[in-house]
Amino acid sequence: MSDLSSALPPRLHAIVVEFQAADRAEKLELLLEYSDRLPPLPEHVRNNRAAMEQVHECATPVYAAVESHDGRLTFHIDVPEESPTVRGYAALLRDGLEGATPEEVLAIPGDFFYAMGLHQVLSPQRLNGISYLLAYLKRLATRELAKRNG
């Protein structure tokens, strides 16, 4: 876990530790709790939906956008309430990556969710979908890095 902890932003690391301490049933319950924590899109994003991009690899309609302030990122993610597990994962990513730098986002291992034990409670198809979501957020972080270094 020490290698993983150094590869994760502190907020995301704390979430991973929270899931590691939970048993199988509690992991799903935690994920559903995170689903309720996904904040609504801010008005300036909601009013400009064209600025959000769809994560086409996800079976669930997931849309994401990123903002950068002083080199720190804020992700905006929209997932329908009818998809609580994907919504929960989106919420924990959004929370765990709040204020991270693009470099910190890019350093996250694509399969870090295995350390959380999510493979115990999600189907392989869902695991693929959530890995695509992280990959997409990394693409957004790469764009922000290119803008900064451009």
N, C-alpha and C. Protein backbone atom coordinates (compact mmCIF):
# COMPACT_ATOMS: atom_id res chain seq x y z
N MET A 1 0.82 -1.20 0.00
CA MET A 1 0.00 0.00 0.00
C MET A 1 0.86 1.25 0.00
N SER A 2 2.09 1.17 0.50
CA SER A 2 2.92 2.37 0.55
C SER A 2 3.20 2.90 -0.85
N ASP A 3 3.42 2.01 -1.82
CA ASP A 3 3.61 2.48 -3.20
C ASP A 3 2.37 3.17 -3.71
N LEU A 4 1.22 2.60 -3.43
CA LEU A 4 -0.04 3.19 -3.87
C LEU A 4 -0.29 4.52 -3.18
N SER A 5 -0.01 4.59 -1.88
CA SER A 5 -0.28 5.83 -1.16
C SER A 5 0.55 6.98 -1.70
N SER A 6 1.75 6.71 -2.17
CA SER A 6 2.57 7.78 -2.73
C SER A 6 2.11 8.16 -4.13
N ALA A 7 1.32 7.30 -4.78
CA ALA A 7 0.84 7.57 -6.14
C ALA A 7 -0.52 8.26 -6.14
N LEU A 8 -1.14 8.40 -4.97
CA LEU A 8 -2.47 8.98 -4.91
C LEU A 8 -2.46 10.34 -4.22
N PRO A 9 -3.28 11.27 -4.71
CA PRO A 9 -3.44 12.52 -3.96
C PRO A 9 -3.98 12.19 -2.57
N PRO A 10 -3.63 12.99 -1.57
CA PRO A 10 -4.01 12.66 -0.18
C PRO A 10 -5.50 12.40 0.02
N ARG A 11 -6.36 13.20 -0.61
CA ARG A 11 -7.81 13.00 -0.43
C ARG A 11 -8.25 11.65 -0.98
N LEU A 12 -7.71 11.26 -2.13
CA LEU A 12 -8.07 9.98 -2.73
C LEU A 12 -7.51 8.83 -1.90
N HIS A 13 -6.32 9.00 -1.38
CA HIS A 13 -5.72 7.98 -0.52
C HIS A 13 -6.61 7.74 0.70
N ALA A 14 -7.13 8.80 1.30
CA ALA A 14 -8.00 8.65 2.47
C ALA A 14 -9.26 7.86 2.10
N ILE A 15 -9.80 8.06 0.92
CA ILE A 15 -10.98 7.32 0.47
C ILE A 15 -10.63 5.84 0.28
N VAL A 16 -9.47 5.57 -0.30
CA VAL A 16 -9.03 4.18 -0.48
C VAL A 16 -8.92 3.49 0.87
N VAL A 17 -8.33 4.15 1.84
CA VAL A 17 -8.19 3.58 3.19
C VAL A 17 -9.57 3.31 3.80
N GLU A 18 -10.50 4.23 3.59
CA GLU A 18 -11.87 4.05 4.10
C GLU A 18 -12.50 2.78 3.52
N PHE A 19 -12.33 2.56 2.22
CA PHE A 19 -12.89 1.37 1.59
C PHE A 19 -12.15 0.10 2.03
N GLN A 20 -10.85 0.19 2.23
CA GLN A 20 -10.09 -0.98 2.67
C GLN A 20 -10.55 -1.47 4.03
N ALA A 21 -10.99 -0.56 4.88
CA ALA A 21 -11.42 -0.92 6.23
C ALA A 21 -12.82 -1.53 6.25
N ALA A 22 -13.53 -1.42 5.13
CA ALA A 22 -14.91 -1.90 5.06
C ALA A 22 -14.95 -3.35 4.59
N ASP A 23 -15.93 -4.10 5.12
CA ASP A 23 -16.12 -5.46 4.59
C ASP A 23 -16.89 -5.38 3.28
N ARG A 24 -17.13 -6.51 2.66
CA ARG A 24 -17.72 -6.54 1.31
C ARG A 24 -19.05 -5.79 1.25
N ALA A 25 -19.94 -6.06 2.17
CA ALA A 25 -21.26 -5.40 2.17
C ALA A 25 -21.12 -3.90 2.42
N GLU A 26 -20.20 -3.54 3.30
CA GLU A 26 -19.99 -2.12 3.60
C GLU A 26 -19.41 -1.37 2.41
N LYS A 27 -18.61 -2.04 1.58
CA LYS A 27 -18.03 -1.39 0.40
C LYS A 27 -19.13 -0.90 -0.54
N LEU A 28 -20.11 -1.75 -0.79
CA LEU A 28 -21.21 -1.37 -1.66
C LEU A 28 -22.03 -0.24 -1.02
N GLU A 29 -22.24 -0.35 0.28
CA GLU A 29 -22.97 0.70 1.01
C GLU A 29 -22.22 2.03 0.92
N LEU A 30 -20.90 2.00 1.10
CA LEU A 30 -20.09 3.22 0.98
C LEU A 30 -20.19 3.82 -0.42
N LEU A 31 -20.12 2.96 -1.43
CA LEU A 31 -20.21 3.42 -2.81
C LEU A 31 -21.56 4.11 -3.04
N LEU A 32 -22.62 3.53 -2.50
CA LEU A 32 -23.95 4.13 -2.65
C LEU A 32 -24.05 5.44 -1.86
N GLU A 33 -23.38 5.52 -0.73
CA GLU A 33 -23.35 6.79 0.02
C GLU A 33 -22.64 7.87 -0.80
N TYR A 34 -21.55 7.50 -1.45
CA TYR A 34 -20.85 8.46 -2.30
C TYR A 34 -21.75 8.91 -3.45
N SER A 35 -22.59 8.02 -3.94
CA SER A 35 -23.52 8.36 -5.01
C SER A 35 -24.38 9.57 -4.62
N ASP A 36 -24.81 9.57 -3.37
CA ASP A 36 -25.63 10.69 -2.88
C ASP A 36 -24.82 11.97 -2.70
N ARG A 37 -23.50 11.85 -2.66
CA ARG A 37 -22.63 13.01 -2.42
C ARG A 37 -22.19 13.72 -3.70
N LEU A 38 -22.50 13.14 -4.87
CA LEU A 38 -22.08 13.81 -6.10
C LEU A 38 -22.83 15.13 -6.20
N PRO A 39 -22.10 16.24 -6.16
CA PRO A 39 -22.79 17.53 -6.14
C PRO A 39 -23.41 17.84 -7.50
N PRO A 40 -24.48 18.63 -7.49
CA PRO A 40 -25.03 19.05 -8.77
C PRO A 40 -24.00 19.89 -9.52
N LEU A 41 -24.16 19.93 -10.82
CA LEU A 41 -23.24 20.74 -11.62
C LEU A 41 -23.42 22.21 -11.25
N PRO A 42 -22.31 22.95 -11.18
CA PRO A 42 -22.45 24.39 -10.93
C PRO A 42 -23.21 25.03 -12.10
N GLU A 43 -23.87 26.11 -11.83
CA GLU A 43 -24.72 26.75 -12.83
C GLU A 43 -23.98 27.05 -14.13
N HIS A 44 -22.74 27.55 -14.03
CA HIS A 44 -22.01 27.92 -15.25
C HIS A 44 -21.68 26.70 -16.11
N VAL A 45 -21.61 25.52 -15.50
CA VAL A 45 -21.39 24.29 -16.27
C VAL A 45 -22.73 23.77 -16.78
N ARG A 46 -23.72 23.78 -15.91
CA ARG A 46 -25.06 23.30 -16.28
C ARG A 46 -25.61 24.10 -17.46
N ASN A 47 -25.33 25.41 -17.49
CA ASN A 47 -25.83 26.27 -18.56
C ASN A 47 -25.00 26.18 -19.83
N ASN A 48 -23.89 25.45 -19.78
CA ASN A 48 -23.03 25.29 -20.95
C ASN A 48 -22.70 23.81 -21.11
N ARG A 49 -23.72 22.99 -21.25
CA ARG A 49 -23.54 21.53 -21.33
C ARG A 49 -22.64 21.14 -22.50
N ALA A 50 -22.57 21.99 -23.52
CA ALA A 50 -21.72 21.68 -24.67
C ALA A 50 -20.25 21.62 -24.26
N ALA A 51 -19.91 22.27 -23.14
CA ALA A 51 -18.52 22.24 -22.67
C ALA A 51 -18.18 20.91 -22.01
N MET A 52 -19.19 20.13 -21.67
CA MET A 52 -18.95 18.82 -21.07
C MET A 52 -18.81 17.79 -22.17
N GLU A 53 -17.98 16.82 -21.93
CA GLU A 53 -17.75 15.77 -22.92
C GLU A 53 -18.22 14.44 -22.37
N GLN A 54 -18.80 13.64 -23.25
CA GLN A 54 -19.29 12.33 -22.83
C GLN A 54 -18.16 11.32 -22.80
N VAL A 55 -18.16 10.51 -21.77
CA VAL A 55 -17.22 9.39 -21.66
C VAL A 55 -17.89 8.24 -22.42
N HIS A 56 -17.64 8.15 -23.71
CA HIS A 56 -18.34 7.22 -24.58
C HIS A 56 -18.09 5.76 -24.22
N GLU A 57 -16.97 5.46 -23.60
CA GLU A 57 -16.65 4.07 -23.26
C GLU A 57 -17.53 3.52 -22.14
N CYS A 58 -18.18 4.40 -21.39
CA CYS A 58 -19.06 3.97 -20.30
C CYS A 58 -20.43 3.62 -20.86
N ALA A 59 -21.00 2.51 -20.38
CA ALA A 59 -22.35 2.12 -20.79
C ALA A 59 -23.37 3.13 -20.23
N THR A 60 -23.06 3.70 -19.08
CA THR A 60 -23.89 4.73 -18.46
C THR A 60 -23.54 6.07 -19.09
N PRO A 61 -24.54 6.94 -19.35
CA PRO A 61 -24.21 8.26 -19.90
C PRO A 61 -23.49 9.12 -18.85
N VAL A 62 -22.19 9.24 -19.00
CA VAL A 62 -21.36 10.00 -18.07
C VAL A 62 -20.76 11.18 -18.84
N TYR A 63 -20.84 12.35 -18.24
CA TYR A 63 -20.28 13.56 -18.83
C TYR A 63 -19.31 14.17 -17.84
N ALA A 64 -18.23 14.75 -18.36
CA ALA A 64 -17.21 15.32 -17.47
C ALA A 64 -16.63 16.58 -18.07
N ALA A 65 -16.17 17.44 -17.19
CA ALA A 65 -15.46 18.67 -17.56
C ALA A 65 -14.47 18.95 -16.44
N VAL A 66 -13.50 19.78 -16.73
CA VAL A 66 -12.50 20.14 -15.72
C VAL A 66 -12.28 21.64 -15.76
N GLU A 67 -11.99 22.18 -14.60
CA GLU A 67 -11.57 23.57 -14.48
C GLU A 67 -10.25 23.58 -13.72
N SER A 68 -9.42 24.54 -14.07
CA SER A 68 -8.13 24.68 -13.41
C SER A 68 -8.03 26.07 -12.81
N HIS A 69 -7.65 26.12 -11.54
CA HIS A 69 -7.44 27.38 -10.84
C HIS A 69 -6.09 27.29 -10.13
N ASP A 70 -5.18 28.14 -10.53
CA ASP A 70 -3.84 28.15 -9.94
C ASP A 70 -3.18 26.77 -10.01
N GLY A 71 -3.39 26.07 -11.13
CA GLY A 71 -2.76 24.77 -11.33
C GLY A 71 -3.42 23.62 -10.60
N ARG A 72 -4.55 23.88 -9.94
CA ARG A 72 -5.28 22.85 -9.20
C ARG A 72 -6.59 22.57 -9.94
N LEU A 73 -6.96 21.31 -10.01
CA LEU A 73 -8.10 20.90 -10.81
C LEU A 73 -9.37 20.68 -9.99
N THR A 74 -10.49 20.97 -10.63
CA THR A 74 -11.81 20.63 -10.12
C THR A 74 -12.53 19.94 -11.27
N PHE A 75 -12.97 18.72 -11.03
CA PHE A 75 -13.70 17.98 -12.05
C PHE A 75 -15.20 18.12 -11.79
N HIS A 76 -15.94 18.27 -12.86
CA HIS A 76 -17.40 18.27 -12.80
C HIS A 76 -17.86 17.03 -13.56
N ILE A 77 -18.62 16.20 -12.89
CA ILE A 77 -19.04 14.92 -13.47
C ILE A 77 -20.55 14.80 -13.30
N ASP A 78 -21.20 14.40 -14.38
CA ASP A 78 -22.64 14.22 -14.34
C ASP A 78 -22.96 12.76 -14.68
N VAL A 79 -23.63 12.09 -13.76
CA VAL A 79 -24.03 10.69 -13.92
C VAL A 79 -25.48 10.59 -13.46
N PRO A 80 -26.34 9.92 -14.22
CA PRO A 80 -27.74 9.81 -13.80
C PRO A 80 -27.89 9.09 -12.45
N GLU A 81 -28.88 9.50 -11.70
CA GLU A 81 -29.15 8.88 -10.40
C GLU A 81 -29.52 7.41 -10.55
N GLU A 82 -29.98 7.01 -11.73
CA GLU A 82 -30.37 5.62 -11.97
C GLU A 82 -29.16 4.69 -12.05
N SER A 83 -27.97 5.24 -12.01
CA SER A 83 -26.73 4.44 -12.06
C SER A 83 -25.92 4.70 -10.80
N PRO A 84 -26.40 4.21 -9.65
CA PRO A 84 -25.77 4.60 -8.39
C PRO A 84 -24.33 4.13 -8.20
N THR A 85 -23.94 2.98 -8.74
CA THR A 85 -22.56 2.54 -8.52
C THR A 85 -21.59 3.40 -9.33
N VAL A 86 -21.93 3.68 -10.58
CA VAL A 86 -21.06 4.54 -11.39
C VAL A 86 -21.06 5.95 -10.82
N ARG A 87 -22.22 6.40 -10.39
CA ARG A 87 -22.34 7.73 -9.79
C ARG A 87 -21.50 7.81 -8.51
N GLY A 88 -21.51 6.74 -7.71
CA GLY A 88 -20.71 6.71 -6.49
C GLY A 88 -19.23 6.77 -6.78
N TYR A 89 -18.80 6.01 -7.78
CA TYR A 89 -17.39 6.04 -8.15
C TYR A 89 -17.01 7.42 -8.69
N ALA A 90 -17.88 8.02 -9.50
CA ALA A 90 -17.62 9.37 -10.01
C ALA A 90 -17.50 10.36 -8.85
N ALA A 91 -18.38 10.22 -7.86
CA ALA A 91 -18.35 11.13 -6.71
C ALA A 91 -17.07 10.96 -5.90
N LEU A 92 -16.63 9.72 -5.70
CA LEU A 92 -15.41 9.54 -4.91
C LEU A 92 -14.19 10.03 -5.69
N LEU A 93 -14.20 9.86 -7.02
CA LEU A 93 -13.11 10.42 -7.81
C LEU A 93 -13.12 11.95 -7.74
N ARG A 94 -14.29 12.52 -7.90
CA ARG A 94 -14.39 13.98 -7.87
C ARG A 94 -13.89 14.51 -6.53
N ASP A 95 -14.33 13.89 -5.45
CA ASP A 95 -13.92 14.30 -4.11
C ASP A 95 -12.42 14.05 -3.91
N GLY A 96 -11.96 12.88 -4.30
CA GLY A 96 -10.56 12.50 -4.08
C GLY A 96 -9.57 13.28 -4.92
N LEU A 97 -10.05 13.83 -6.04
CA LEU A 97 -9.15 14.58 -6.94
C LEU A 97 -9.31 16.09 -6.80
N GLU A 98 -10.19 16.52 -5.93
CA GLU A 98 -10.41 17.95 -5.75
C GLU A 98 -9.11 18.64 -5.34
N GLY A 99 -8.70 19.61 -6.13
CA GLY A 99 -7.49 20.37 -5.82
C GLY A 99 -6.19 19.69 -6.22
N ALA A 100 -6.28 18.54 -6.88
CA ALA A 100 -5.06 17.86 -7.33
C ALA A 100 -4.46 18.59 -8.52
N THR A 101 -3.19 18.41 -8.72
CA THR A 101 -2.53 18.96 -9.90
C THR A 101 -2.71 17.96 -11.05
N PRO A 102 -2.55 18.42 -12.28
CA PRO A 102 -2.61 17.47 -13.40
C PRO A 102 -1.60 16.33 -13.23
N GLU A 103 -0.43 16.64 -12.74
CA GLU A 103 0.60 15.61 -12.56
C GLU A 103 0.15 14.56 -11.55
N GLU A 104 -0.51 14.99 -10.48
CA GLU A 104 -1.01 14.04 -9.48
C GLU A 104 -2.08 13.13 -10.08
N VAL A 105 -2.94 13.70 -10.89
CA VAL A 105 -3.99 12.89 -11.53
C VAL A 105 -3.36 11.87 -12.47
N LEU A 106 -2.38 12.29 -13.24
CA LEU A 106 -1.74 11.40 -14.20
C LEU A 106 -0.96 10.28 -13.53
N ALA A 107 -0.54 10.48 -12.29
CA ALA A 107 0.25 9.47 -11.57
C ALA A 107 -0.60 8.36 -10.96
N ILE A 108 -1.92 8.51 -10.96
CA ILE A 108 -2.80 7.52 -10.33
C ILE A 108 -2.80 6.24 -11.16
N PRO A 109 -2.51 5.11 -10.54
CA PRO A 109 -2.58 3.84 -11.28
C PRO A 109 -4.01 3.59 -11.77
N GLY A 110 -4.15 3.16 -12.99
CA GLY A 110 -5.46 2.94 -13.58
C GLY A 110 -6.30 1.90 -12.86
N ASP A 111 -5.65 1.02 -12.12
CA ASP A 111 -6.38 -0.05 -11.42
C ASP A 111 -6.37 0.14 -9.90
N PHE A 112 -6.20 1.39 -9.44
CA PHE A 112 -6.11 1.62 -8.00
C PHE A 112 -7.36 1.14 -7.25
N PHE A 113 -8.50 1.06 -7.96
CA PHE A 113 -9.75 0.67 -7.30
C PHE A 113 -9.71 -0.77 -6.80
N TYR A 114 -8.76 -1.58 -7.30
CA TYR A 114 -8.60 -2.93 -6.75
C TYR A 114 -8.17 -2.87 -5.29
N ALA A 115 -7.35 -1.89 -4.94
CA ALA A 115 -6.93 -1.74 -3.55
C ALA A 115 -8.11 -1.40 -2.64
N MET A 116 -9.17 -0.84 -3.23
CA MET A 116 -10.37 -0.51 -2.47
C MET A 116 -11.27 -1.73 -2.29
N GLY A 117 -11.02 -2.76 -3.09
CA GLY A 117 -11.84 -3.96 -3.04
C GLY A 117 -13.11 -3.85 -3.88
N LEU A 118 -13.16 -2.89 -4.81
CA LEU A 118 -14.36 -2.74 -5.61
C LEU A 118 -14.62 -3.93 -6.53
N HIS A 119 -13.57 -4.67 -6.85
CA HIS A 119 -13.75 -5.87 -7.68
C HIS A 119 -14.58 -6.93 -6.94
N GLN A 120 -14.72 -6.78 -5.63
CA GLN A 120 -15.53 -7.72 -4.84
C GLN A 120 -17.02 -7.42 -4.97
N VAL A 121 -17.36 -6.19 -5.34
CA VAL A 121 -18.78 -5.79 -5.34
C VAL A 121 -19.29 -5.31 -6.70
N LEU A 122 -18.41 -5.14 -7.68
CA LEU A 122 -18.85 -4.67 -9.00
C LEU A 122 -18.55 -5.73 -10.06
N SER A 123 -19.38 -5.77 -11.07
CA SER A 123 -19.20 -6.71 -12.17
C SER A 123 -18.00 -6.28 -13.01
N PRO A 124 -17.44 -7.21 -13.77
CA PRO A 124 -16.32 -6.85 -14.67
C PRO A 124 -16.69 -5.72 -15.63
N GLN A 125 -17.94 -5.70 -16.11
CA GLN A 125 -18.37 -4.61 -17.01
C GLN A 125 -18.32 -3.27 -16.30
N ARG A 126 -18.80 -3.23 -15.05
CA ARG A 126 -18.76 -1.98 -14.27
C ARG A 126 -17.31 -1.56 -14.01
N LEU A 127 -16.46 -2.54 -13.69
CA LEU A 127 -15.04 -2.22 -13.46
C LEU A 127 -14.42 -1.61 -14.71
N ASN A 128 -14.76 -2.13 -15.88
CA ASN A 128 -14.27 -1.54 -17.13
C ASN A 128 -14.75 -0.11 -17.26
N GLY A 129 -16.03 0.12 -16.99
CA GLY A 129 -16.60 1.46 -17.10
C GLY A 129 -15.92 2.45 -16.17
N ILE A 130 -15.68 2.04 -14.93
CA ILE A 130 -15.06 2.98 -14.00
C ILE A 130 -13.59 3.22 -14.36
N SER A 131 -12.93 2.22 -14.93
CA SER A 131 -11.55 2.45 -15.35
C SER A 131 -11.52 3.44 -16.52
N TYR A 132 -12.53 3.38 -17.39
CA TYR A 132 -12.62 4.36 -18.49
C TYR A 132 -12.85 5.77 -17.96
N LEU A 133 -13.62 5.88 -16.89
CA LEU A 133 -13.86 7.20 -16.31
C LEU A 133 -12.56 7.81 -15.82
N LEU A 134 -11.76 7.05 -15.09
CA LEU A 134 -10.47 7.57 -14.63
C LEU A 134 -9.59 7.91 -15.82
N ALA A 135 -9.56 7.07 -16.83
CA ALA A 135 -8.75 7.34 -18.02
C ALA A 135 -9.19 8.64 -18.68
N TYR A 136 -10.47 8.88 -18.70
CA TYR A 136 -10.98 10.12 -19.30
C TYR A 136 -10.56 11.33 -18.47
N LEU A 137 -10.65 11.23 -17.15
CA LEU A 137 -10.23 12.34 -16.30
C LEU A 137 -8.74 12.61 -16.49
N LYS A 138 -7.98 11.56 -16.73
CA LYS A 138 -6.55 11.74 -17.02
C LYS A 138 -6.35 12.49 -18.34
N ARG A 139 -7.21 12.20 -19.33
CA ARG A 139 -7.11 12.94 -20.60
C ARG A 139 -7.40 14.42 -20.38
N LEU A 140 -8.41 14.72 -19.56
CA LEU A 140 -8.70 16.12 -19.25
C LEU A 140 -7.53 16.77 -18.53
N ALA A 141 -6.91 16.05 -17.60
CA ALA A 141 -5.75 16.58 -16.88
C ALA A 141 -4.59 16.82 -17.84
N THR A 142 -4.41 15.93 -18.82
CA THR A 142 -3.35 16.10 -19.82
C THR A 142 -3.58 17.38 -20.62
N ARG A 143 -4.82 17.63 -20.98
CA ARG A 143 -5.14 18.87 -21.71
C ARG A 143 -4.82 20.10 -20.88
N GLU A 144 -5.17 20.04 -19.59
CA GLU A 144 -4.88 21.19 -18.73
C GLU A 144 -3.38 21.40 -18.59
N LEU A 145 -2.64 20.33 -18.52
CA LEU A 145 -1.18 20.41 -18.44
C LEU A 145 -0.62 21.02 -19.72
N ALA A 146 -1.16 20.62 -20.86
CA ALA A 146 -0.70 21.17 -22.15
C ALA A 146 -1.01 22.66 -22.23
N LYS A 147 -2.16 23.10 -21.72
CA LYS A 147 -2.50 24.52 -21.73
C LYS A 147 -1.51 25.29 -20.88
N ARG A 148 -1.17 24.72 -19.73
CA ARG A 148 -0.26 25.40 -18.80
C ARG A 148 1.15 25.47 -19.40
N ASN A 149 1.57 24.41 -20.05
CA ASN A 149 2.93 24.36 -20.60
C ASN A 149 3.02 24.86 -22.03
N GLY A 150 1.83 25.13 -22.61
CA GLY A 150 1.73 25.46 -24.02
C GLY A 150 2.39 26.70 -24.43
